[in-house]
Amino acid sequence: MREAKEDLLLCGQSNSGLTEPAHFTAIALAQITSVFITTYIEDSDSGLDYSDSYLFIKIIENYVKEVGEAFLSIEKPI
């Protein structure tokens, strides 16, 4: 565990090392969702309304930031 100040033997549950994977997962899901939201944005014949797409992308960006901050705040040094 990198946040430990000295070597120790872990027994039981731990949230060690979950901050970065959780944040990267949120980033990846945001990127994939943004691609789906804007796939046919330039196609005027698609029949879909993309007027709210950028608003949704901004909401998703805020969510990613909050996920990163939430996991960082619960990561405690051991």
N, C-alpha and C. Protein backbone atom coordinates (compact mmCIF):
# COMPACT_ATOMS: atom_id res chain seq x y z
N MET A 1 0.84 -1.16 0.00
CA MET A 1 0.00 0.00 0.00
C MET A 1 0.89 1.23 0.00
N ARG A 2 0.70 2.06 -0.97
CA ARG A 2 1.61 3.20 -1.11
C ARG A 2 1.36 4.30 -0.08
N GLU A 3 0.16 4.36 0.49
CA GLU A 3 -0.10 5.43 1.46
C GLU A 3 0.37 5.08 2.88
N ALA A 4 0.83 3.84 3.06
CA ALA A 4 1.33 3.44 4.38
C ALA A 4 2.73 4.02 4.58
N LYS A 5 3.00 4.44 5.79
CA LYS A 5 4.30 5.03 6.10
C LYS A 5 5.37 3.97 6.31
N GLU A 6 4.94 2.75 6.64
CA GLU A 6 5.88 1.65 6.84
C GLU A 6 5.23 0.36 6.33
N ASP A 7 6.04 -0.66 6.12
CA ASP A 7 5.52 -1.94 5.66
C ASP A 7 4.59 -2.54 6.70
N LEU A 8 3.49 -3.12 6.23
CA LEU A 8 2.56 -3.77 7.13
C LEU A 8 1.85 -4.89 6.40
N LEU A 9 1.29 -5.79 7.18
CA LEU A 9 0.54 -6.92 6.65
C LEU A 9 -0.94 -6.57 6.70
N LEU A 10 -1.58 -6.58 5.57
CA LEU A 10 -2.99 -6.20 5.49
C LEU A 10 -3.87 -7.40 5.80
N CYS A 11 -4.78 -7.22 6.73
CA CYS A 11 -5.76 -8.24 7.08
C CYS A 11 -7.15 -7.61 6.98
N GLY A 12 -7.99 -8.12 6.12
CA GLY A 12 -9.34 -7.58 6.00
C GLY A 12 -9.48 -6.65 4.81
N GLN A 13 -10.56 -5.90 4.82
CA GLN A 13 -10.89 -5.03 3.70
C GLN A 13 -10.03 -3.77 3.70
N SER A 14 -9.86 -3.22 2.50
CA SER A 14 -9.10 -1.99 2.35
C SER A 14 -9.58 -1.25 1.12
N ASN A 15 -9.53 0.06 1.16
CA ASN A 15 -9.85 0.85 -0.02
C ASN A 15 -8.57 1.40 -0.65
N SER A 16 -7.46 0.79 -0.32
CA SER A 16 -6.17 1.23 -0.83
C SER A 16 -6.09 1.04 -2.34
N GLY A 17 -5.71 2.07 -3.02
CA GLY A 17 -5.51 1.99 -4.46
C GLY A 17 -6.76 2.09 -5.30
N LEU A 18 -7.87 2.49 -4.74
CA LEU A 18 -9.11 2.57 -5.51
C LEU A 18 -9.35 3.96 -6.12
N THR A 19 -8.65 4.96 -5.65
CA THR A 19 -8.92 6.32 -6.09
C THR A 19 -8.66 6.51 -7.58
N GLU A 20 -7.48 6.16 -8.03
CA GLU A 20 -7.15 6.36 -9.44
C GLU A 20 -7.99 5.49 -10.37
N PRO A 21 -8.16 4.18 -10.10
CA PRO A 21 -9.02 3.39 -10.99
C PRO A 21 -10.45 3.90 -11.07
N ALA A 22 -10.99 4.36 -9.94
CA ALA A 22 -12.36 4.89 -9.95
C ALA A 22 -12.45 6.15 -10.78
N HIS A 23 -11.48 7.03 -10.62
CA HIS A 23 -11.49 8.28 -11.39
C HIS A 23 -11.27 8.00 -12.88
N PHE A 24 -10.36 7.11 -13.21
CA PHE A 24 -10.13 6.77 -14.61
C PHE A 24 -11.33 6.07 -15.25
N THR A 25 -12.04 5.28 -14.46
CA THR A 25 -13.27 4.66 -14.96
C THR A 25 -14.32 5.71 -15.27
N ALA A 26 -14.47 6.68 -14.40
CA ALA A 26 -15.41 7.77 -14.64
C ALA A 26 -15.02 8.56 -15.88
N ILE A 27 -13.73 8.80 -16.07
CA ILE A 27 -13.26 9.52 -17.25
C ILE A 27 -13.56 8.73 -18.52
N ALA A 28 -13.27 7.43 -18.51
CA ALA A 28 -13.51 6.59 -19.69
C ALA A 28 -15.00 6.54 -20.03
N LEU A 29 -15.84 6.36 -19.03
CA LEU A 29 -17.28 6.33 -19.28
C LEU A 29 -17.79 7.67 -19.80
N ALA A 30 -17.22 8.76 -19.31
CA ALA A 30 -17.60 10.08 -19.80
C ALA A 30 -17.20 10.26 -21.27
N GLN A 31 -16.01 9.79 -21.63
CA GLN A 31 -15.57 9.90 -23.01
C GLN A 31 -16.45 9.09 -23.95
N ILE A 32 -16.76 7.87 -23.56
CA ILE A 32 -17.60 7.01 -24.39
C ILE A 32 -19.00 7.61 -24.53
N THR A 33 -19.56 8.09 -23.43
CA THR A 33 -20.90 8.68 -23.47
C THR A 33 -20.91 9.93 -24.33
N SER A 34 -19.86 10.75 -24.24
CA SER A 34 -19.79 11.96 -25.05
C SER A 34 -19.74 11.64 -26.54
N VAL A 35 -19.05 10.56 -26.88
CA VAL A 35 -19.01 10.14 -28.29
C VAL A 35 -20.40 9.73 -28.75
N PHE A 36 -21.10 8.96 -27.94
CA PHE A 36 -22.46 8.54 -28.31
C PHE A 36 -23.41 9.74 -28.42
N ILE A 37 -23.25 10.71 -27.52
CA ILE A 37 -24.13 11.87 -27.53
C ILE A 37 -23.94 12.72 -28.78
N THR A 38 -22.72 12.77 -29.29
CA THR A 38 -22.41 13.67 -30.42
C THR A 38 -22.11 12.95 -31.72
N THR A 39 -22.44 11.68 -31.84
CA THR A 39 -22.07 10.91 -33.03
C THR A 39 -22.63 11.51 -34.32
N TYR A 40 -23.89 11.83 -34.35
CA TYR A 40 -24.52 12.33 -35.57
C TYR A 40 -24.89 13.80 -35.44
N ILE A 41 -24.12 14.57 -34.69
CA ILE A 41 -24.47 15.96 -34.43
C ILE A 41 -24.43 16.82 -35.69
N GLU A 42 -23.56 16.48 -36.66
CA GLU A 42 -23.44 17.27 -37.88
C GLU A 42 -24.37 16.78 -38.99
N ASP A 43 -25.03 15.67 -38.77
CA ASP A 43 -25.92 15.10 -39.77
C ASP A 43 -27.32 15.70 -39.60
N SER A 44 -27.68 16.60 -40.49
CA SER A 44 -28.99 17.27 -40.37
C SER A 44 -30.14 16.35 -40.73
N ASP A 45 -29.86 15.24 -41.40
CA ASP A 45 -30.92 14.30 -41.81
C ASP A 45 -31.18 13.21 -40.77
N SER A 46 -30.51 13.25 -39.65
CA SER A 46 -30.66 12.18 -38.66
C SER A 46 -32.01 12.22 -37.96
N GLY A 47 -32.64 13.38 -37.90
CA GLY A 47 -33.94 13.49 -37.26
C GLY A 47 -33.87 13.56 -35.74
N LEU A 48 -32.69 13.64 -35.20
CA LEU A 48 -32.52 13.72 -33.75
C LEU A 48 -32.18 15.15 -33.35
N ASP A 49 -32.62 15.55 -32.18
CA ASP A 49 -32.35 16.90 -31.67
C ASP A 49 -31.12 16.86 -30.77
N TYR A 50 -30.08 17.56 -31.19
CA TYR A 50 -28.83 17.57 -30.43
C TYR A 50 -28.62 18.89 -29.70
N SER A 51 -29.66 19.66 -29.50
CA SER A 51 -29.51 20.98 -28.89
C SER A 51 -29.04 20.91 -27.44
N ASP A 52 -29.31 19.81 -26.76
CA ASP A 52 -28.90 19.67 -25.36
C ASP A 52 -27.62 18.86 -25.18
N SER A 53 -27.00 18.43 -26.26
CA SER A 53 -25.82 17.56 -26.15
C SER A 53 -24.68 18.20 -25.37
N TYR A 54 -24.39 19.46 -25.66
CA TYR A 54 -23.28 20.11 -24.97
C TYR A 54 -23.59 20.33 -23.49
N LEU A 55 -24.84 20.56 -23.18
CA LEU A 55 -25.25 20.67 -21.78
C LEU A 55 -25.02 19.35 -21.05
N PHE A 56 -25.39 18.24 -21.69
CA PHE A 56 -25.18 16.93 -21.09
C PHE A 56 -23.69 16.63 -20.91
N ILE A 57 -22.88 17.04 -21.87
CA ILE A 57 -21.43 16.82 -21.76
C ILE A 57 -20.86 17.60 -20.58
N LYS A 58 -21.32 18.83 -20.38
CA LYS A 58 -20.86 19.62 -19.24
C LYS A 58 -21.29 18.98 -17.91
N ILE A 59 -22.51 18.45 -17.87
CA ILE A 59 -22.98 17.76 -16.66
C ILE A 59 -22.11 16.55 -16.38
N ILE A 60 -21.78 15.80 -17.43
CA ILE A 60 -20.93 14.62 -17.28
C ILE A 60 -19.53 15.02 -16.80
N GLU A 61 -18.99 16.12 -17.33
CA GLU A 61 -17.67 16.60 -16.88
C GLU A 61 -17.69 16.94 -15.39
N ASN A 62 -18.76 17.59 -14.95
CA ASN A 62 -18.88 17.91 -13.52
C ASN A 62 -18.97 16.64 -12.67
N TYR A 63 -19.67 15.64 -13.18
CA TYR A 63 -19.78 14.36 -12.48
C TYR A 63 -18.41 13.70 -12.34
N VAL A 64 -17.62 13.71 -13.40
CA VAL A 64 -16.28 13.12 -13.36
C VAL A 64 -15.43 13.82 -12.31
N LYS A 65 -15.51 15.14 -12.28
CA LYS A 65 -14.75 15.91 -11.29
C LYS A 65 -15.19 15.55 -9.87
N GLU A 66 -16.49 15.43 -9.65
CA GLU A 66 -17.00 15.08 -8.33
C GLU A 66 -16.60 13.67 -7.90
N VAL A 67 -16.58 12.73 -8.85
CA VAL A 67 -16.16 11.37 -8.54
C VAL A 67 -14.70 11.37 -8.08
N GLY A 68 -13.85 12.07 -8.81
CA GLY A 68 -12.44 12.15 -8.43
C GLY A 68 -12.24 12.76 -7.07
N GLU A 69 -12.96 13.86 -6.81
CA GLU A 69 -12.84 14.52 -5.51
C GLU A 69 -13.39 13.66 -4.38
N ALA A 70 -14.48 12.94 -4.64
CA ALA A 70 -15.08 12.09 -3.60
C ALA A 70 -14.14 10.96 -3.21
N PHE A 71 -13.55 10.29 -4.18
CA PHE A 71 -12.64 9.20 -3.86
C PHE A 71 -11.36 9.72 -3.22
N LEU A 72 -10.91 10.89 -3.63
CA LEU A 72 -9.72 11.47 -3.02
C LEU A 72 -9.98 11.85 -1.57
N SER A 73 -11.19 12.31 -1.29
CA SER A 73 -11.49 12.71 0.09
C SER A 73 -11.64 11.53 1.05
N ILE A 74 -12.01 10.35 0.53
CA ILE A 74 -12.14 9.20 1.43
C ILE A 74 -10.87 8.37 1.53
N GLU A 75 -9.91 8.68 0.69
CA GLU A 75 -8.63 7.98 0.77
C GLU A 75 -7.85 8.54 1.95
N LYS A 76 -7.65 7.72 2.94
CA LYS A 76 -6.99 8.17 4.17
C LYS A 76 -5.63 7.51 4.30
N PRO A 77 -4.65 8.26 4.77
CA PRO A 77 -3.36 7.62 5.04
C PRO A 77 -3.48 6.62 6.19
N ILE A 78 -2.77 5.53 6.05
CA ILE A 78 -2.84 4.47 7.06
C ILE A 78 -1.69 4.64 8.04
